[in-house]
Amino acid sequence: MTGEPSSLDPDEKVDLWRQRFFEAQAAAEEFVLGEHGDEGLAAWIRANSRITADLLRAQRPAGMSTTDHYVTRLQRQLMLYDSAVTSEPQPSGTVLRNADCGILRYRRRAARAGVVLTFSSPCGYCQQLNTAIAARYLEPEVTVSCEQAGDGCTWRVSAQASADAPAASPQRGRAAD
């Protein structure tokens, strides 16, 4: 290679940052699982959720509720990978519908390109991590649940209206370390 490299256009930069993040995440997951097994992965999720919840507390815009901040972060995370995400306000909270998960598409493309994936699906990890973040960041009366649906998922974030209102696999706010 000779000469000066040309600058990356904005789309190339986005693709490269996604790739670098994916590589770093995959390396960390492979290391944790290889060195420490499933218990190491559980500890990784606990540490990651604690760090992220602390960052969310420091970054929450004035006047924005923790629930709105959490939902916005989750939606933007999914949109980062061009997921087909819609947000539906509900009387008790918000429903995020991820009709076509860009993270799944990205991983499938990476696998076709020869990348060895740590997890056969990122969905379980994503759900565990994001519900653990919610448990540490949100108020105790807020529940977060996620249901798989084809190549996407539906996240429900709601304030507990009554003790007998069921929620699928809820994680309540503020988990202990």
N, C-alpha and C. Protein backbone atom coordinates (compact mmCIF):
# COMPACT_ATOMS: atom_id res chain seq x y z
N MET A 1 0.83 -1.17 0.00
CA MET A 1 0.00 0.00 0.00
C MET A 1 0.87 1.23 0.00
N THR A 2 0.55 2.14 -0.87
CA THR A 2 1.31 3.38 -0.93
C THR A 2 0.37 4.56 -0.87
N GLY A 3 0.92 5.71 -0.57
CA GLY A 3 0.13 6.92 -0.56
C GLY A 3 -0.70 7.08 0.70
N GLU A 4 -1.39 8.18 0.76
CA GLU A 4 -2.25 8.49 1.89
C GLU A 4 -3.59 7.78 1.73
N PRO A 5 -4.10 7.18 2.80
CA PRO A 5 -5.43 6.56 2.70
C PRO A 5 -6.50 7.66 2.55
N SER A 6 -7.53 7.34 1.81
CA SER A 6 -8.62 8.31 1.67
C SER A 6 -9.48 8.27 2.93
N SER A 7 -10.15 9.36 3.20
CA SER A 7 -11.03 9.42 4.36
C SER A 7 -12.23 8.50 4.16
N LEU A 8 -12.74 7.98 5.26
CA LEU A 8 -13.95 7.17 5.20
C LEU A 8 -15.16 8.08 5.13
N ASP A 9 -16.13 7.67 4.32
CA ASP A 9 -17.37 8.45 4.32
C ASP A 9 -18.16 8.07 5.58
N PRO A 10 -19.18 8.84 5.95
CA PRO A 10 -19.91 8.59 7.19
C PRO A 10 -20.48 7.18 7.30
N ASP A 11 -21.02 6.63 6.21
CA ASP A 11 -21.57 5.27 6.27
C ASP A 11 -20.47 4.24 6.51
N GLU A 12 -19.30 4.44 5.91
CA GLU A 12 -18.17 3.53 6.14
C GLU A 12 -17.72 3.60 7.59
N LYS A 13 -17.73 4.79 8.17
CA LYS A 13 -17.34 4.94 9.57
C LYS A 13 -18.32 4.21 10.48
N VAL A 14 -19.60 4.35 10.21
CA VAL A 14 -20.61 3.66 11.03
C VAL A 14 -20.40 2.15 10.93
N ASP A 15 -20.22 1.64 9.72
CA ASP A 15 -20.01 0.21 9.53
C ASP A 15 -18.75 -0.26 10.25
N LEU A 16 -17.70 0.53 10.19
CA LEU A 16 -16.44 0.15 10.85
C LEU A 16 -16.59 0.16 12.37
N TRP A 17 -17.28 1.16 12.93
CA TRP A 17 -17.50 1.19 14.38
C TRP A 17 -18.34 0.01 14.82
N ARG A 18 -19.37 -0.34 14.05
CA ARG A 18 -20.17 -1.52 14.37
C ARG A 18 -19.29 -2.77 14.37
N GLN A 19 -18.47 -2.89 13.36
CA GLN A 19 -17.60 -4.06 13.24
C GLN A 19 -16.63 -4.12 14.42
N ARG A 20 -16.01 -3.01 14.76
CA ARG A 20 -15.05 -3.00 15.87
C ARG A 20 -15.74 -3.31 17.20
N PHE A 21 -16.92 -2.75 17.42
CA PHE A 21 -17.66 -3.05 18.64
C PHE A 21 -18.01 -4.53 18.68
N PHE A 22 -18.50 -5.06 17.57
CA PHE A 22 -18.87 -6.47 17.50
C PHE A 22 -17.65 -7.35 17.80
N GLU A 23 -16.51 -7.01 17.22
CA GLU A 23 -15.29 -7.79 17.46
C GLU A 23 -14.89 -7.75 18.93
N ALA A 24 -14.94 -6.58 19.54
CA ALA A 24 -14.57 -6.45 20.95
C ALA A 24 -15.55 -7.22 21.84
N GLN A 25 -16.83 -7.10 21.56
CA GLN A 25 -17.84 -7.82 22.34
C GLN A 25 -17.67 -9.33 22.20
N ALA A 26 -17.47 -9.79 20.96
CA ALA A 26 -17.30 -11.23 20.73
C ALA A 26 -16.04 -11.75 21.43
N ALA A 27 -14.97 -10.97 21.40
CA ALA A 27 -13.73 -11.38 22.08
C ALA A 27 -13.93 -11.46 23.59
N ALA A 28 -14.61 -10.48 24.15
CA ALA A 28 -14.87 -10.49 25.59
C ALA A 28 -15.73 -11.69 25.97
N GLU A 29 -16.79 -11.95 25.19
CA GLU A 29 -17.67 -13.08 25.48
C GLU A 29 -16.91 -14.40 25.38
N GLU A 30 -16.12 -14.55 24.34
CA GLU A 30 -15.36 -15.79 24.16
C GLU A 30 -14.38 -15.99 25.32
N PHE A 31 -13.71 -14.91 25.72
CA PHE A 31 -12.77 -15.01 26.84
C PHE A 31 -13.49 -15.39 28.13
N VAL A 32 -14.56 -14.68 28.45
CA VAL A 32 -15.28 -14.93 29.70
C VAL A 32 -15.81 -16.36 29.73
N LEU A 33 -16.46 -16.79 28.65
CA LEU A 33 -16.99 -18.15 28.62
C LEU A 33 -15.87 -19.19 28.66
N GLY A 34 -14.80 -18.96 27.92
CA GLY A 34 -13.70 -19.91 27.87
C GLY A 34 -12.96 -20.04 29.19
N GLU A 35 -12.78 -18.93 29.87
CA GLU A 35 -12.03 -18.93 31.12
C GLU A 35 -12.88 -19.22 32.35
N HIS A 36 -14.17 -18.82 32.30
CA HIS A 36 -14.99 -18.86 33.50
C HIS A 36 -16.34 -19.54 33.34
N GLY A 37 -16.68 -19.97 32.15
CA GLY A 37 -17.93 -20.70 31.91
C GLY A 37 -19.17 -19.84 32.14
N ASP A 38 -20.28 -20.52 32.35
CA ASP A 38 -21.57 -19.83 32.51
C ASP A 38 -21.59 -18.89 33.72
N GLU A 39 -20.93 -19.29 34.82
CA GLU A 39 -20.89 -18.41 36.00
C GLU A 39 -20.12 -17.14 35.67
N GLY A 40 -19.09 -17.26 34.86
CA GLY A 40 -18.36 -16.07 34.43
C GLY A 40 -19.23 -15.15 33.59
N LEU A 41 -20.05 -15.75 32.74
CA LEU A 41 -20.96 -14.94 31.92
C LEU A 41 -21.98 -14.23 32.80
N ALA A 42 -22.49 -14.92 33.80
CA ALA A 42 -23.44 -14.29 34.73
C ALA A 42 -22.76 -13.12 35.46
N ALA A 43 -21.50 -13.30 35.87
CA ALA A 43 -20.76 -12.22 36.53
C ALA A 43 -20.50 -11.07 35.56
N TRP A 44 -20.22 -11.39 34.29
CA TRP A 44 -20.02 -10.38 33.25
C TRP A 44 -21.30 -9.54 33.09
N ILE A 45 -22.45 -10.18 33.05
CA ILE A 45 -23.72 -9.46 32.92
C ILE A 45 -23.96 -8.59 34.14
N ARG A 46 -23.66 -9.10 35.34
CA ARG A 46 -23.83 -8.28 36.55
C ARG A 46 -22.93 -7.04 36.50
N ALA A 47 -21.67 -7.23 36.12
CA ALA A 47 -20.74 -6.10 36.05
C ALA A 47 -21.15 -5.11 34.96
N ASN A 48 -21.49 -5.63 33.81
CA ASN A 48 -21.89 -4.78 32.69
C ASN A 48 -23.15 -3.99 33.05
N SER A 49 -24.12 -4.64 33.69
CA SER A 49 -25.36 -3.94 34.05
C SER A 49 -25.10 -2.88 35.11
N ARG A 50 -24.22 -3.16 36.05
CA ARG A 50 -23.89 -2.16 37.09
C ARG A 50 -23.22 -0.95 36.45
N ILE A 51 -22.24 -1.19 35.59
CA ILE A 51 -21.52 -0.10 34.93
C ILE A 51 -22.47 0.73 34.08
N THR A 52 -23.32 0.05 33.31
CA THR A 52 -24.25 0.76 32.43
C THR A 52 -25.27 1.55 33.23
N ALA A 53 -25.81 0.97 34.30
CA ALA A 53 -26.78 1.69 35.13
C ALA A 53 -26.13 2.94 35.74
N ASP A 54 -24.88 2.82 36.20
CA ASP A 54 -24.17 3.99 36.74
C ASP A 54 -24.00 5.06 35.66
N LEU A 55 -23.66 4.65 34.44
CA LEU A 55 -23.52 5.61 33.33
C LEU A 55 -24.85 6.27 33.02
N LEU A 56 -25.93 5.48 33.01
CA LEU A 56 -27.24 6.05 32.74
C LEU A 56 -27.61 7.10 33.79
N ARG A 57 -27.31 6.82 35.05
CA ARG A 57 -27.60 7.80 36.10
C ARG A 57 -26.85 9.09 35.85
N ALA A 58 -25.59 8.98 35.45
CA ALA A 58 -24.77 10.17 35.20
C ALA A 58 -25.19 10.91 33.94
N GLN A 59 -25.75 10.20 32.97
CA GLN A 59 -26.06 10.79 31.67
C GLN A 59 -27.53 11.19 31.50
N ARG A 60 -28.39 10.86 32.45
CA ARG A 60 -29.82 11.14 32.28
C ARG A 60 -30.05 12.64 32.17
N PRO A 61 -30.70 13.06 31.07
CA PRO A 61 -30.99 14.48 30.89
C PRO A 61 -31.93 14.99 31.99
N ALA A 62 -31.69 16.21 32.41
CA ALA A 62 -32.56 16.83 33.41
C ALA A 62 -33.99 16.84 32.89
N GLY A 63 -34.92 16.49 33.76
CA GLY A 63 -36.32 16.51 33.40
C GLY A 63 -36.82 15.24 32.73
N MET A 64 -35.94 14.30 32.42
CA MET A 64 -36.36 13.05 31.79
C MET A 64 -36.42 11.96 32.86
N SER A 65 -37.51 11.21 32.86
CA SER A 65 -37.65 10.14 33.85
C SER A 65 -36.65 9.02 33.54
N THR A 66 -36.34 8.23 34.55
CA THR A 66 -35.44 7.10 34.31
C THR A 66 -36.07 6.11 33.34
N THR A 67 -37.39 5.95 33.41
CA THR A 67 -38.07 5.02 32.49
C THR A 67 -37.94 5.49 31.05
N ASP A 68 -38.23 6.77 30.80
CA ASP A 68 -38.10 7.29 29.43
C ASP A 68 -36.65 7.21 28.95
N HIS A 69 -35.72 7.49 29.84
CA HIS A 69 -34.30 7.43 29.49
C HIS A 69 -33.90 5.99 29.12
N TYR A 70 -34.34 5.03 29.92
CA TYR A 70 -34.03 3.62 29.65
C TYR A 70 -34.63 3.19 28.31
N VAL A 71 -35.90 3.52 28.07
CA VAL A 71 -36.57 3.14 26.82
C VAL A 71 -35.86 3.77 25.63
N THR A 72 -35.51 5.04 25.75
CA THR A 72 -34.81 5.73 24.66
C THR A 72 -33.47 5.06 24.38
N ARG A 73 -32.73 4.71 25.42
CA ARG A 73 -31.44 4.04 25.23
C ARG A 73 -31.62 2.71 24.52
N LEU A 74 -32.59 1.91 24.97
CA LEU A 74 -32.83 0.60 24.37
C LEU A 74 -33.24 0.75 22.90
N GLN A 75 -34.13 1.68 22.63
CA GLN A 75 -34.58 1.91 21.25
C GLN A 75 -33.40 2.35 20.38
N ARG A 76 -32.58 3.26 20.86
CA ARG A 76 -31.43 3.74 20.07
C ARG A 76 -30.40 2.63 19.88
N GLN A 77 -30.24 1.77 20.88
CA GLN A 77 -29.33 0.64 20.74
C GLN A 77 -29.78 -0.26 19.59
N LEU A 78 -31.07 -0.55 19.54
CA LEU A 78 -31.61 -1.39 18.47
C LEU A 78 -31.53 -0.68 17.12
N MET A 79 -31.78 0.62 17.11
CA MET A 79 -31.71 1.38 15.87
C MET A 79 -30.29 1.51 15.34
N LEU A 80 -29.31 1.42 16.24
CA LEU A 80 -27.92 1.49 15.82
C LEU A 80 -27.61 0.41 14.77
N TYR A 81 -28.30 -0.71 14.88
CA TYR A 81 -28.12 -1.81 13.93
C TYR A 81 -29.24 -1.85 12.89
N ASP A 82 -29.94 -0.73 12.72
CA ASP A 82 -31.01 -0.61 11.72
C ASP A 82 -32.15 -1.59 11.96
N SER A 83 -32.47 -1.83 13.20
CA SER A 83 -33.63 -2.66 13.54
C SER A 83 -34.90 -1.89 13.18
N ALA A 84 -35.94 -2.64 12.90
CA ALA A 84 -37.25 -2.05 12.62
C ALA A 84 -38.00 -1.89 13.93
N VAL A 85 -37.77 -0.78 14.63
CA VAL A 85 -38.29 -0.57 15.97
C VAL A 85 -39.37 0.50 15.97
N THR A 86 -40.45 0.19 16.64
CA THR A 86 -41.49 1.20 16.88
C THR A 86 -41.73 1.29 18.38
N SER A 87 -42.10 2.47 18.81
CA SER A 87 -42.40 2.72 20.22
C SER A 87 -43.87 3.06 20.34
N GLU A 88 -44.55 2.36 21.25
CA GLU A 88 -45.98 2.56 21.44
C GLU A 88 -46.23 2.94 22.90
N PRO A 89 -46.60 4.19 23.14
CA PRO A 89 -46.96 4.56 24.51
C PRO A 89 -48.22 3.81 24.94
N GLN A 90 -48.22 3.35 26.17
CA GLN A 90 -49.35 2.65 26.77
C GLN A 90 -49.72 3.39 28.05
N PRO A 91 -50.93 3.18 28.55
CA PRO A 91 -51.32 3.87 29.80
C PRO A 91 -50.33 3.62 30.95
N SER A 92 -49.77 2.42 31.01
CA SER A 92 -48.88 2.11 32.13
C SER A 92 -47.40 2.18 31.77
N GLY A 93 -47.06 2.49 30.52
CA GLY A 93 -45.65 2.54 30.14
C GLY A 93 -45.46 2.59 28.64
N THR A 94 -44.48 1.84 28.16
CA THR A 94 -44.12 1.85 26.74
C THR A 94 -43.89 0.43 26.26
N VAL A 95 -44.29 0.19 25.01
CA VAL A 95 -43.99 -1.07 24.34
C VAL A 95 -43.08 -0.76 23.17
N LEU A 96 -41.91 -1.41 23.13
CA LEU A 96 -41.00 -1.31 21.99
C LEU A 96 -41.15 -2.59 21.18
N ARG A 97 -41.53 -2.44 19.93
CA ARG A 97 -41.65 -3.60 19.04
C ARG A 97 -40.48 -3.57 18.08
N ASN A 98 -39.70 -4.62 18.13
CA ASN A 98 -38.56 -4.79 17.26
C ASN A 98 -38.94 -5.87 16.24
N ALA A 99 -39.55 -5.44 15.14
CA ALA A 99 -40.11 -6.39 14.16
C ALA A 99 -39.02 -7.13 13.39
N ASP A 100 -37.87 -6.51 13.21
CA ASP A 100 -36.78 -7.12 12.45
C ASP A 100 -35.47 -6.66 13.08
N CYS A 101 -34.86 -7.53 13.88
CA CYS A 101 -33.68 -7.16 14.66
C CYS A 101 -32.43 -7.05 13.79
N GLY A 102 -31.89 -5.86 13.74
CA GLY A 102 -30.67 -5.62 13.00
C GLY A 102 -29.47 -6.32 13.61
N ILE A 103 -29.50 -6.56 14.92
CA ILE A 103 -28.39 -7.28 15.56
C ILE A 103 -28.35 -8.71 15.03
N LEU A 104 -29.52 -9.35 14.91
CA LEU A 104 -29.58 -10.70 14.33
C LEU A 104 -29.08 -10.69 12.88
N ARG A 105 -29.55 -9.71 12.09
CA ARG A 105 -29.10 -9.62 10.70
C ARG A 105 -27.61 -9.43 10.62
N TYR A 106 -27.07 -8.55 11.46
CA TYR A 106 -25.64 -8.27 11.46
C TYR A 106 -24.84 -9.52 11.81
N ARG A 107 -25.29 -10.26 12.80
CA ARG A 107 -24.60 -11.48 13.22
C ARG A 107 -24.66 -12.54 12.12
N ARG A 108 -25.79 -12.67 11.46
CA ARG A 108 -25.90 -13.65 10.37
C ARG A 108 -24.95 -13.30 9.24
N ARG A 109 -24.87 -12.03 8.92
CA ARG A 109 -23.93 -11.58 7.88
C ARG A 109 -22.49 -11.86 8.31
N ALA A 110 -22.16 -11.60 9.56
CA ALA A 110 -20.81 -11.87 10.07
C ALA A 110 -20.50 -13.36 10.01
N ALA A 111 -21.47 -14.20 10.38
CA ALA A 111 -21.26 -15.65 10.33
C ALA A 111 -21.02 -16.12 8.90
N ARG A 112 -21.78 -15.56 7.95
CA ARG A 112 -21.56 -15.92 6.54
C ARG A 112 -20.18 -15.49 6.06
N ALA A 113 -19.64 -14.45 6.68
CA ALA A 113 -18.31 -13.96 6.32
C ALA A 113 -17.20 -14.72 7.05
N GLY A 114 -17.57 -15.75 7.82
CA GLY A 114 -16.58 -16.58 8.49
C GLY A 114 -16.30 -16.25 9.93
N VAL A 115 -17.00 -15.28 10.52
CA VAL A 115 -16.80 -14.94 11.93
C VAL A 115 -17.39 -16.05 12.78
N VAL A 116 -16.60 -16.56 13.72
CA VAL A 116 -17.08 -17.57 14.65
C VAL A 116 -17.82 -16.84 15.77
N LEU A 117 -19.09 -17.18 15.95
CA LEU A 117 -19.92 -16.52 16.94
C LEU A 117 -19.90 -17.27 18.26
N THR A 118 -19.84 -16.54 19.35
CA THR A 118 -19.83 -17.14 20.68
C THR A 118 -21.18 -17.76 21.00
N PHE A 119 -22.26 -17.04 20.72
CA PHE A 119 -23.61 -17.51 21.00
C PHE A 119 -24.30 -17.83 19.68
N SER A 120 -25.11 -18.90 19.68
CA SER A 120 -25.87 -19.20 18.48
C SER A 120 -26.89 -18.10 18.21
N SER A 121 -27.37 -17.45 19.27
CA SER A 121 -28.28 -16.32 19.15
C SER A 121 -27.91 -15.30 20.22
N PRO A 122 -27.95 -14.03 19.88
CA PRO A 122 -27.64 -13.00 20.89
C PRO A 122 -28.83 -12.66 21.78
N CYS A 123 -30.00 -13.22 21.47
CA CYS A 123 -31.24 -12.80 22.13
C CYS A 123 -31.24 -13.03 23.63
N GLY A 124 -30.83 -14.20 24.07
CA GLY A 124 -30.80 -14.47 25.51
C GLY A 124 -29.88 -13.53 26.25
N TYR A 125 -28.70 -13.30 25.69
CA TYR A 125 -27.75 -12.38 26.30
C TYR A 125 -28.32 -10.96 26.34
N CYS A 126 -28.89 -10.51 25.22
CA CYS A 126 -29.47 -9.17 25.13
C CYS A 126 -30.56 -9.00 26.17
N GLN A 127 -31.44 -9.98 26.28
CA GLN A 127 -32.54 -9.89 27.25
C GLN A 127 -32.01 -9.87 28.67
N GLN A 128 -31.08 -10.77 28.98
CA GLN A 128 -30.53 -10.81 30.34
C GLN A 128 -29.84 -9.49 30.69
N LEU A 129 -29.03 -8.99 29.77
CA LEU A 129 -28.29 -7.76 30.05
C LEU A 129 -29.23 -6.57 30.21
N ASN A 130 -30.15 -6.39 29.29
CA ASN A 130 -31.01 -5.21 29.35
C ASN A 130 -32.03 -5.26 30.48
N THR A 131 -32.48 -6.45 30.87
CA THR A 131 -33.34 -6.52 32.06
C THR A 131 -32.52 -6.31 33.33
N ALA A 132 -31.27 -6.74 33.34
CA ALA A 132 -30.40 -6.49 34.50
C ALA A 132 -30.09 -5.00 34.63
N ILE A 133 -29.88 -4.33 33.51
CA ILE A 133 -29.67 -2.87 33.54
C ILE A 133 -30.92 -2.21 34.13
N ALA A 134 -32.09 -2.61 33.64
CA ALA A 134 -33.35 -2.04 34.14
C ALA A 134 -33.49 -2.27 35.64
N ALA A 135 -33.16 -3.46 36.09
CA ALA A 135 -33.30 -3.78 37.52
C ALA A 135 -32.42 -2.89 38.38
N ARG A 136 -31.30 -2.46 37.87
CA ARG A 136 -30.39 -1.60 38.62
C ARG A 136 -30.72 -0.11 38.47
N TYR A 137 -31.36 0.26 37.37
CA TYR A 137 -31.53 1.68 37.05
C TYR A 137 -32.93 2.20 37.34
N LEU A 138 -33.93 1.40 37.09
CA LEU A 138 -35.31 1.88 37.19
C LEU A 138 -35.85 1.78 38.61
N GLU A 139 -36.93 2.51 38.85
CA GLU A 139 -37.58 2.48 40.15
C GLU A 139 -38.16 1.09 40.40
N PRO A 140 -38.31 0.69 41.67
CA PRO A 140 -38.79 -0.66 41.99
C PRO A 140 -40.17 -1.00 41.42
N GLU A 141 -41.02 -0.01 41.21
CA GLU A 141 -42.36 -0.31 40.70
C GLU A 141 -42.41 -0.50 39.17
N VAL A 142 -41.29 -0.32 38.50
CA VAL A 142 -41.24 -0.47 37.04
C VAL A 142 -40.79 -1.90 36.70
N THR A 143 -41.53 -2.53 35.79
CA THR A 143 -41.16 -3.86 35.33
C THR A 143 -40.76 -3.81 33.87
N VAL A 144 -39.86 -4.70 33.52
CA VAL A 144 -39.38 -4.82 32.14
C VAL A 144 -39.47 -6.28 31.75
N SER A 145 -40.08 -6.54 30.59
CA SER A 145 -40.13 -7.90 30.08
C SER A 145 -39.87 -7.88 28.58
N CYS A 146 -39.47 -9.03 28.07
CA CYS A 146 -39.19 -9.16 26.64
C CYS A 146 -39.70 -10.50 26.17
N GLU A 147 -40.37 -10.47 25.02
CA GLU A 147 -40.86 -11.70 24.40
C GLU A 147 -40.30 -11.79 23.00
N GLN A 148 -39.77 -12.97 22.65
CA GLN A 148 -39.27 -13.22 21.30
C GLN A 148 -40.44 -13.34 20.32
N ALA A 149 -40.21 -12.88 19.11
CA ALA A 149 -41.23 -12.98 18.06
C ALA A 149 -40.51 -13.05 16.71
N GLY A 150 -40.27 -14.26 16.22
CA GLY A 150 -39.59 -14.41 14.94
C GLY A 150 -38.19 -13.84 14.98
N ASP A 151 -37.90 -12.91 14.08
CA ASP A 151 -36.58 -12.26 14.03
C ASP A 151 -36.58 -10.95 14.80
N GLY A 152 -37.43 -10.84 15.79
CA GLY A 152 -37.50 -9.64 16.59
C GLY A 152 -37.99 -9.95 17.99
N CYS A 153 -38.41 -8.92 18.68
CA CYS A 153 -38.87 -9.08 20.05
C CYS A 153 -39.75 -7.91 20.42
N THR A 154 -40.45 -8.06 21.52
CA THR A 154 -41.29 -6.99 22.05
C THR A 154 -40.88 -6.76 23.50
N TRP A 155 -40.47 -5.52 23.77
CA TRP A 155 -40.10 -5.11 25.12
C TRP A 155 -41.25 -4.32 25.72
N ARG A 156 -41.60 -4.63 26.96
CA ARG A 156 -42.64 -3.91 27.69
C ARG A 156 -42.00 -3.32 28.95
N VAL A 157 -42.15 -2.02 29.08
CA VAL A 157 -41.63 -1.30 30.24
C VAL A 157 -42.81 -0.58 30.86
N SER A 158 -43.17 -0.99 32.07
CA SER A 158 -44.38 -0.41 32.66
C SER A 158 -44.28 -0.29 34.17
N ALA A 159 -45.02 0.68 34.68
CA ALA A 159 -45.15 0.83 36.12
C ALA A 159 -46.18 -0.17 36.59
N GLN A 160 -45.89 -0.82 37.68
CA GLN A 160 -46.80 -1.84 38.23
C GLN A 160 -48.06 -1.15 38.70
N ALA A 161 -49.19 -1.48 38.04
CA ALA A 161 -50.47 -0.86 38.39
C ALA A 161 -51.06 -1.47 39.66
N SER A 162 -50.97 -2.80 39.77
CA SER A 162 -51.49 -3.47 40.96
C SER A 162 -50.71 -4.76 41.19
N ALA A 163 -50.85 -5.29 42.37
CA ALA A 163 -50.10 -6.49 42.72
C ALA A 163 -50.53 -7.70 41.90
N ASP A 164 -51.75 -7.70 41.35
CA ASP A 164 -52.22 -8.87 40.60
C ASP A 164 -52.09 -8.70 39.09
N ALA A 165 -51.38 -7.66 38.62
CA ALA A 165 -51.17 -7.47 37.18
C ALA A 165 -49.96 -8.28 36.74
N PRO A 166 -50.18 -9.37 35.96
CA PRO A 166 -49.07 -10.23 35.56
C PRO A 166 -48.22 -9.59 34.47
N ALA A 167 -46.96 -9.98 34.43
CA ALA A 167 -46.04 -9.56 33.36
C ALA A 167 -45.15 -10.74 33.04
N ALA A 168 -44.84 -10.93 31.76
CA ALA A 168 -44.01 -12.05 31.35
C ALA A 168 -42.57 -11.83 31.75
N SER A 169 -42.04 -12.71 32.58
CA SER A 169 -40.65 -12.65 33.02
C SER A 169 -40.21 -11.25 33.42
N PRO A 170 -40.89 -10.62 34.37
CA PRO A 170 -40.52 -9.24 34.70
C PRO A 170 -39.25 -9.18 35.52
N GLN A 171 -38.54 -8.11 35.35
CA GLN A 171 -37.40 -7.78 36.18
C GLN A 171 -37.74 -6.45 36.82
N ARG A 172 -37.78 -6.42 38.12
CA ARG A 172 -38.16 -5.19 38.81
C ARG A 172 -36.93 -4.32 39.03
N GLY A 173 -37.16 -3.04 39.24
CA GLY A 173 -36.08 -2.08 39.37
C GLY A 173 -35.20 -2.29 40.59
N ARG A 174 -34.04 -1.72 40.52
CA ARG A 174 -33.03 -1.62 41.57
C ARG A 174 -32.60 -2.95 42.18
N ALA A 175 -31.84 -3.70 41.46
CA ALA A 175 -31.26 -4.94 41.98
C ALA A 175 -30.07 -4.61 42.86
N ALA A 176 -29.82 -5.45 43.81
CA ALA A 176 -28.64 -5.28 44.67
C ALA A 176 -27.42 -5.83 43.97
N ASP A 177 -26.24 -5.33 44.35
CA ASP A 177 -24.99 -5.83 43.75
C ASP A 177 -24.72 -7.21 44.15
